[in-house]
């Protein structure tokens, strides 16, 4: 609103991709989506199937974290626990003051909303990404009408933004 933008191109990585997907998939009752073009880089948004062993390990680690968190004597101990048990995004969300929002949204499945996206969408994933594996991008491509999927085989979740930035810039500039 401050910049008086009514339409824009959204480029989002990881959590920022979730925000872009939400903006682009505004309900039919809303005014036209402000997203004119959508670039999702290593984004989540659909439920990730996990084997029972991984789900169980996650529950056990969550229980350990909560128990140790309850015994933390100060902020420094709490931060050390978060670094030990949490993902990089979870740890960073504290510094940004976005913890509550992050925790609520990180597990949200946006599958039902994705077919409402009408903006031309490009999904870009690193072939070595274990946080948001290429499988998620391919599943989202199937749900977003006309979406394009691009896989950069040599990159993981973060290196796609550093070493892969030139390829991403080229993909975006070719489509805008």
C-alpha atoms as a PDB file:
ATOM      1  CA  UNK A   1       0.000   0.000   0.000  1.00  0.00           C
ATOM      2  CA  UNK A   2       2.788   2.431   0.867  1.00  0.00           C
ATOM      3  CA  UNK A   3       4.273   2.012  -2.610  1.00  0.00           C
ATOM      4  CA  UNK A   4       0.814   2.055  -4.237  1.00  0.00           C
ATOM      5  CA  UNK A   5       1.435  -1.232  -5.983  1.00  0.00           C
ATOM      6  CA  UNK A   6      -1.604  -3.017  -7.309  1.00  0.00           C
ATOM      7  CA  UNK A   7       0.153  -5.773  -9.266  1.00  0.00           C
ATOM      8  CA  UNK A   8       3.646  -7.190  -8.823  1.00  0.00           C
ATOM      9  CA  UNK A   9       5.962 -10.127  -9.451  1.00  0.00           C
ATOM     10  CA  UNK A  10       6.594 -12.233  -6.348  1.00  0.00           C
ATOM     11  CA  UNK A  11       9.895 -14.072  -5.942  1.00  0.00           C
ATOM     12  CA  UNK A  12       9.916 -16.133  -2.748  1.00  0.00           C
ATOM     13  CA  UNK A  13      12.290 -18.679  -1.267  1.00  0.00           C
ATOM     14  CA  UNK A  14      11.198 -21.286   1.292  1.00  0.00           C
ATOM     15  CA  UNK A  15       8.929 -19.476   3.784  1.00  0.00           C
ATOM     16  CA  UNK A  16       8.650 -16.499   1.403  1.00  0.00           C
ATOM     17  CA  UNK A  17       7.329 -18.932  -1.195  1.00  0.00           C
ATOM     18  CA  UNK A  18       4.453 -19.874   1.127  1.00  0.00           C
ATOM     19  CA  UNK A  19       3.549 -16.186   1.444  1.00  0.00           C
ATOM     20  CA  UNK A  20       3.588 -15.769  -2.335  1.00  0.00           C
ATOM     21  CA  UNK A  21       1.431 -18.847  -2.847  1.00  0.00           C
ATOM     22  CA  UNK A  22      -1.127 -17.469  -0.377  1.00  0.00           C
ATOM     23  CA  UNK A  23      -1.216 -14.077  -2.079  1.00  0.00           C
ATOM     24  CA  UNK A  24      -1.554 -15.599  -5.537  1.00  0.00           C
ATOM     25  CA  UNK A  25      -4.318 -17.995  -4.469  1.00  0.00           C
ATOM     26  CA  UNK A  26      -6.676 -15.426  -3.000  1.00  0.00           C
ATOM     27  CA  UNK A  27     -10.217 -16.786  -2.808  1.00  0.00           C
ATOM     28  CA  UNK A  28     -12.506 -16.184  -5.754  1.00  0.00           C
ATOM     29  CA  UNK A  29     -14.553 -13.764  -3.623  1.00  0.00           C
ATOM     30  CA  UNK A  30     -11.514 -11.501  -3.184  1.00  0.00           C
ATOM     31  CA  UNK A  31     -10.430  -8.822  -5.602  1.00  0.00           C
ATOM     32  CA  UNK A  32      -8.044  -9.974  -8.330  1.00  0.00           C
ATOM     33  CA  UNK A  33      -4.795 -11.340  -6.927  1.00  0.00           C
ATOM     34  CA  UNK A  34      -2.071  -8.693  -6.770  1.00  0.00           C
ATOM     35  CA  UNK A  35       0.454 -11.293  -7.986  1.00  0.00           C
ATOM     36  CA  UNK A  36       1.058 -10.836 -11.693  1.00  0.00           C
ATOM     37  CA  UNK A  37       3.871 -13.425 -11.920  1.00  0.00           C
ATOM     38  CA  UNK A  38       5.026 -15.956  -9.322  1.00  0.00           C
ATOM     39  CA  UNK A  39       8.486 -17.475  -8.837  1.00  0.00           C
ATOM     40  CA  UNK A  40       8.723 -20.119  -6.124  1.00  0.00           C
ATOM     41  CA  UNK A  41      12.262 -21.077  -5.133  1.00  0.00           C
ATOM     42  CA  UNK A  42      12.649 -24.174  -2.950  1.00  0.00           C
ATOM     43  CA  UNK A  43       9.199 -23.612  -1.539  1.00  0.00           C
ATOM     44  CA  UNK A  44       7.043 -25.770   0.643  1.00  0.00           C
ATOM     45  CA  UNK A  45       3.279 -25.633   0.462  1.00  0.00           C
ATOM     46  CA  UNK A  46       2.109 -29.208   0.150  1.00  0.00           C
ATOM     47  CA  UNK A  47       2.205 -31.893   2.803  1.00  0.00           C
ATOM     48  CA  UNK A  48       5.405 -33.849   2.718  1.00  0.00           C
ATOM     49  CA  UNK A  49       4.859 -37.588   3.038  1.00  0.00           C
ATOM     50  CA  UNK A  50       7.174 -38.969   5.710  1.00  0.00           C
ATOM     51  CA  UNK A  51       7.780 -42.558   6.694  1.00  0.00           C
ATOM     52  CA  UNK A  52       6.461 -43.638  10.104  1.00  0.00           C
ATOM     53  CA  UNK A  53      10.037 -43.839  11.424  1.00  0.00           C
ATOM     54  CA  UNK A  54      10.653 -40.149  10.565  1.00  0.00           C
ATOM     55  CA  UNK A  55       7.353 -39.067  12.124  1.00  0.00           C
ATOM     56  CA  UNK A  56       8.176 -41.014  15.280  1.00  0.00           C
ATOM     57  CA  UNK A  57      11.681 -39.560  15.453  1.00  0.00           C
ATOM     58  CA  UNK A  58      10.184 -36.077  15.050  1.00  0.00           C
ATOM     59  CA  UNK A  59       7.733 -36.655  17.885  1.00  0.00           C
ATOM     60  CA  UNK A  60      10.502 -37.921  20.159  1.00  0.00           C
ATOM     61  CA  UNK A  61      12.755 -34.959  19.315  1.00  0.00           C
ATOM     62  CA  UNK A  62       9.837 -32.582  19.878  1.00  0.00           C
ATOM     63  CA  UNK A  63       9.180 -34.137  23.273  1.00  0.00           C
ATOM     64  CA  UNK A  64      12.893 -33.865  24.188  1.00  0.00           C
ATOM     65  CA  UNK A  65      12.952 -30.237  23.110  1.00  0.00           C
ATOM     66  CA  UNK A  66       9.849 -29.349  25.139  1.00  0.00           C
ATOM     67  CA  UNK A  67      11.197 -31.116  28.247  1.00  0.00           C
ATOM     68  CA  UNK A  68      14.567 -29.374  28.039  1.00  0.00           C
ATOM     69  CA  UNK A  69      12.928 -26.068  27.181  1.00  0.00           C
ATOM     70  CA  UNK A  70      10.866 -26.276  30.372  1.00  0.00           C
ATOM     71  CA  UNK A  71      14.109 -26.719  32.346  1.00  0.00           C
ATOM     72  CA  UNK A  72      16.022 -23.888  30.623  1.00  0.00           C
ATOM     73  CA  UNK A  73      17.223 -21.406  33.239  1.00  0.00           C
ATOM     74  CA  UNK A  74      17.790 -18.427  30.971  1.00  0.00           C
ATOM     75  CA  UNK A  75      17.473 -17.064  27.461  1.00  0.00           C
ATOM     76  CA  UNK A  76      20.939 -18.255  26.416  1.00  0.00           C
ATOM     77  CA  UNK A  77      20.095 -21.883  27.292  1.00  0.00           C
ATOM     78  CA  UNK A  78      16.801 -21.606  25.410  1.00  0.00           C
ATOM     79  CA  UNK A  79      18.530 -20.240  22.302  1.00  0.00           C
ATOM     80  CA  UNK A  80      21.130 -23.035  22.478  1.00  0.00           C
ATOM     81  CA  UNK A  81      18.318 -25.624  22.615  1.00  0.00           C
ATOM     82  CA  UNK A  82      16.551 -24.036  19.655  1.00  0.00           C
ATOM     83  CA  UNK A  83      19.770 -24.175  17.648  1.00  0.00           C
ATOM     84  CA  UNK A  84      20.236 -27.835  18.570  1.00  0.00           C
ATOM     85  CA  UNK A  85      16.697 -29.005  17.881  1.00  0.00           C
ATOM     86  CA  UNK A  86      15.290 -26.463  15.408  1.00  0.00           C
ATOM     87  CA  UNK A  87      15.744 -25.850  11.726  1.00  0.00           C
ATOM     88  CA  UNK A  88      17.692 -22.820  10.518  1.00  0.00           C
ATOM     89  CA  UNK A  89      14.390 -21.117   9.636  1.00  0.00           C
ATOM     90  CA  UNK A  90      12.975 -21.802  13.107  1.00  0.00           C
ATOM     91  CA  UNK A  91      16.066 -20.319  14.757  1.00  0.00           C
ATOM     92  CA  UNK A  92      16.012 -17.268  12.489  1.00  0.00           C
ATOM     93  CA  UNK A  93      12.299 -16.661  13.117  1.00  0.00           C
ATOM     94  CA  UNK A  94      13.146 -15.683  16.724  1.00  0.00           C
ATOM     95  CA  UNK A  95      15.582 -12.994  15.583  1.00  0.00           C
ATOM     96  CA  UNK A  96      12.998 -11.604  13.169  1.00  0.00           C
ATOM     97  CA  UNK A  97      10.181 -11.630  15.737  1.00  0.00           C
ATOM     98  CA  UNK A  98       8.147 -13.978  13.550  1.00  0.00           C
ATOM     99  CA  UNK A  99       8.205 -17.147  15.676  1.00  0.00           C
ATOM    100  CA  UNK A 100       4.425 -17.463  16.220  1.00  0.00           C
ATOM    101  CA  UNK A 101       3.670 -16.889  12.549  1.00  0.00           C
ATOM    102  CA  UNK A 102       6.412 -19.294  11.462  1.00  0.00           C
ATOM    103  CA  UNK A 103       5.214 -22.103  13.741  1.00  0.00           C
ATOM    104  CA  UNK A 104       1.597 -21.702  12.568  1.00  0.00           C
ATOM    105  CA  UNK A 105       2.354 -21.573   8.857  1.00  0.00           C
ATOM    106  CA  UNK A 106       5.274 -23.994   8.484  1.00  0.00           C
ATOM    107  CA  UNK A 107       3.045 -27.070   8.670  1.00  0.00           C
ATOM    108  CA  UNK A 108       0.165 -25.671   6.632  1.00  0.00           C
ATOM    109  CA  UNK A 109      -0.864 -27.660   3.563  1.00  0.00           C
ATOM    110  CA  UNK A 110      -1.822 -25.250   0.767  1.00  0.00           C
ATOM    111  CA  UNK A 111      -2.851 -27.972  -1.708  1.00  0.00           C
ATOM    112  CA  UNK A 112      -6.509 -26.915  -1.836  1.00  0.00           C
ATOM    113  CA  UNK A 113      -5.619 -23.301  -2.664  1.00  0.00           C
ATOM    114  CA  UNK A 114      -3.024 -23.955  -5.380  1.00  0.00           C
ATOM    115  CA  UNK A 115      -5.509 -24.658  -8.215  1.00  0.00           C
ATOM    116  CA  UNK A 116      -6.844 -21.085  -7.735  1.00  0.00           C
ATOM    117  CA  UNK A 117      -3.526 -19.554  -8.780  1.00  0.00           C
ATOM    118  CA  UNK A 118      -3.926 -17.889 -12.170  1.00  0.00           C
ATOM    119  CA  UNK A 119      -0.609 -16.011 -12.332  1.00  0.00           C
ATOM    120  CA  UNK A 120       2.060 -17.583 -14.524  1.00  0.00           C
ATOM    121  CA  UNK A 121       4.115 -19.606 -12.047  1.00  0.00           C
ATOM    122  CA  UNK A 122       7.639 -20.992 -12.176  1.00  0.00           C
ATOM    123  CA  UNK A 123       8.785 -23.449  -9.511  1.00  0.00           C
ATOM    124  CA  UNK A 124      12.573 -23.672  -9.083  1.00  0.00           C
ATOM    125  CA  UNK A 125      14.112 -26.439  -6.954  1.00  0.00           C
ATOM    126  CA  UNK A 126      17.566 -27.709  -6.131  1.00  0.00           C
ATOM    127  CA  UNK A 127      18.108 -31.357  -6.946  1.00  0.00           C
ATOM    128  CA  UNK A 128      20.020 -31.841  -3.670  1.00  0.00           C
ATOM    129  CA  UNK A 129      17.509 -30.050  -1.450  1.00  0.00           C
ATOM    130  CA  UNK A 130      16.485 -32.182   1.532  1.00  0.00           C
ATOM    131  CA  UNK A 131      14.426 -29.462   3.303  1.00  0.00           C
ATOM    132  CA  UNK A 132      12.085 -28.860   0.359  1.00  0.00           C
ATOM    133  CA  UNK A 133      12.911 -31.699  -2.042  1.00  0.00           C
ATOM    134  CA  UNK A 134      12.147 -31.505  -5.761  1.00  0.00           C
ATOM    135  CA  UNK A 135       9.219 -33.870  -5.239  1.00  0.00           C
ATOM    136  CA  UNK A 136       7.341 -31.004  -3.534  1.00  0.00           C
ATOM    137  CA  UNK A 137       7.864 -28.742  -6.535  1.00  0.00           C
ATOM    138  CA  UNK A 138       6.648 -31.391  -8.950  1.00  0.00           C
ATOM    139  CA  UNK A 139       3.549 -31.982  -6.818  1.00  0.00           C
ATOM    140  CA  UNK A 140       2.812 -28.252  -6.723  1.00  0.00           C
ATOM    141  CA  UNK A 141       3.330 -28.014 -10.482  1.00  0.00           C
ATOM    142  CA  UNK A 142       0.573 -30.593 -10.918  1.00  0.00           C
ATOM    143  CA  UNK A 143      -1.782 -28.487  -8.766  1.00  0.00           C
ATOM    144  CA  UNK A 144      -1.079 -25.004 -10.200  1.00  0.00           C
ATOM    145  CA  UNK A 145      -2.603 -24.555 -13.664  1.00  0.00           C
ATOM    146  CA  UNK A 146       0.068 -24.046 -16.317  1.00  0.00           C
ATOM    147  CA  UNK A 147       2.953 -23.971 -13.822  1.00  0.00           C
ATOM    148  CA  UNK A 148       6.507 -24.529 -15.053  1.00  0.00           C
ATOM    149  CA  UNK A 149       8.944 -26.669 -13.043  1.00  0.00           C
ATOM    150  CA  UNK A 150      12.721 -26.160 -13.238  1.00  0.00           C
ATOM    151  CA  UNK A 151      15.224 -28.293 -11.357  1.00  0.00           C
ATOM    152  CA  UNK A 152      18.799 -27.182 -10.773  1.00  0.00           C
ATOM    153  CA  UNK A 153      20.468 -30.537 -10.018  1.00  0.00           C
ATOM    154  CA  UNK A 154      23.585 -29.327  -8.203  1.00  0.00           C
ATOM    155  CA  UNK A 155      21.980 -27.121  -5.531  1.00  0.00           C
ATOM    156  CA  UNK A 156      20.501 -27.659  -2.084  1.00  0.00           C
ATOM    157  CA  UNK A 157      18.045 -25.494  -0.127  1.00  0.00           C
ATOM    158  CA  UNK A 158      20.438 -22.612   0.496  1.00  0.00           C
ATOM    159  CA  UNK A 159      23.059 -22.931  -2.234  1.00  0.00           C
ATOM    160  CA  UNK A 160      20.344 -22.356  -4.825  1.00  0.00           C
ATOM    161  CA  UNK A 161      20.315 -18.743  -3.570  1.00  0.00           C
ATOM    162  CA  UNK A 162      24.074 -18.296  -3.444  1.00  0.00           C
ATOM    163  CA  UNK A 163      25.827 -20.337  -6.120  1.00  0.00           C
ATOM    164  CA  UNK A 164      22.585 -20.655  -8.107  1.00  0.00           C
ATOM    165  CA  UNK A 165      21.632 -16.986  -8.033  1.00  0.00           C
ATOM    166  CA  UNK A 166      22.786 -16.383 -11.608  1.00  0.00           C
ATOM    167  CA  UNK A 167      20.640 -19.202 -12.966  1.00  0.00           C
ATOM    168  CA  UNK A 168      17.646 -17.946 -11.002  1.00  0.00           C
ATOM    169  CA  UNK A 169      18.208 -14.381 -12.226  1.00  0.00           C
ATOM    170  CA  UNK A 170      18.381 -15.640 -15.800  1.00  0.00           C
ATOM    171  CA  UNK A 171      15.161 -17.680 -15.426  1.00  0.00           C
ATOM    172  CA  UNK A 172      13.339 -14.689 -13.991  1.00  0.00           C
ATOM    173  CA  UNK A 173      14.611 -12.169 -16.552  1.00  0.00           C
ATOM    174  CA  UNK A 174      13.640 -14.489 -19.416  1.00  0.00           C
ATOM    175  CA  UNK A 175      10.041 -14.625 -18.177  1.00  0.00           C
ATOM    176  CA  UNK A 176       9.330 -11.063 -17.115  1.00  0.00           C
END
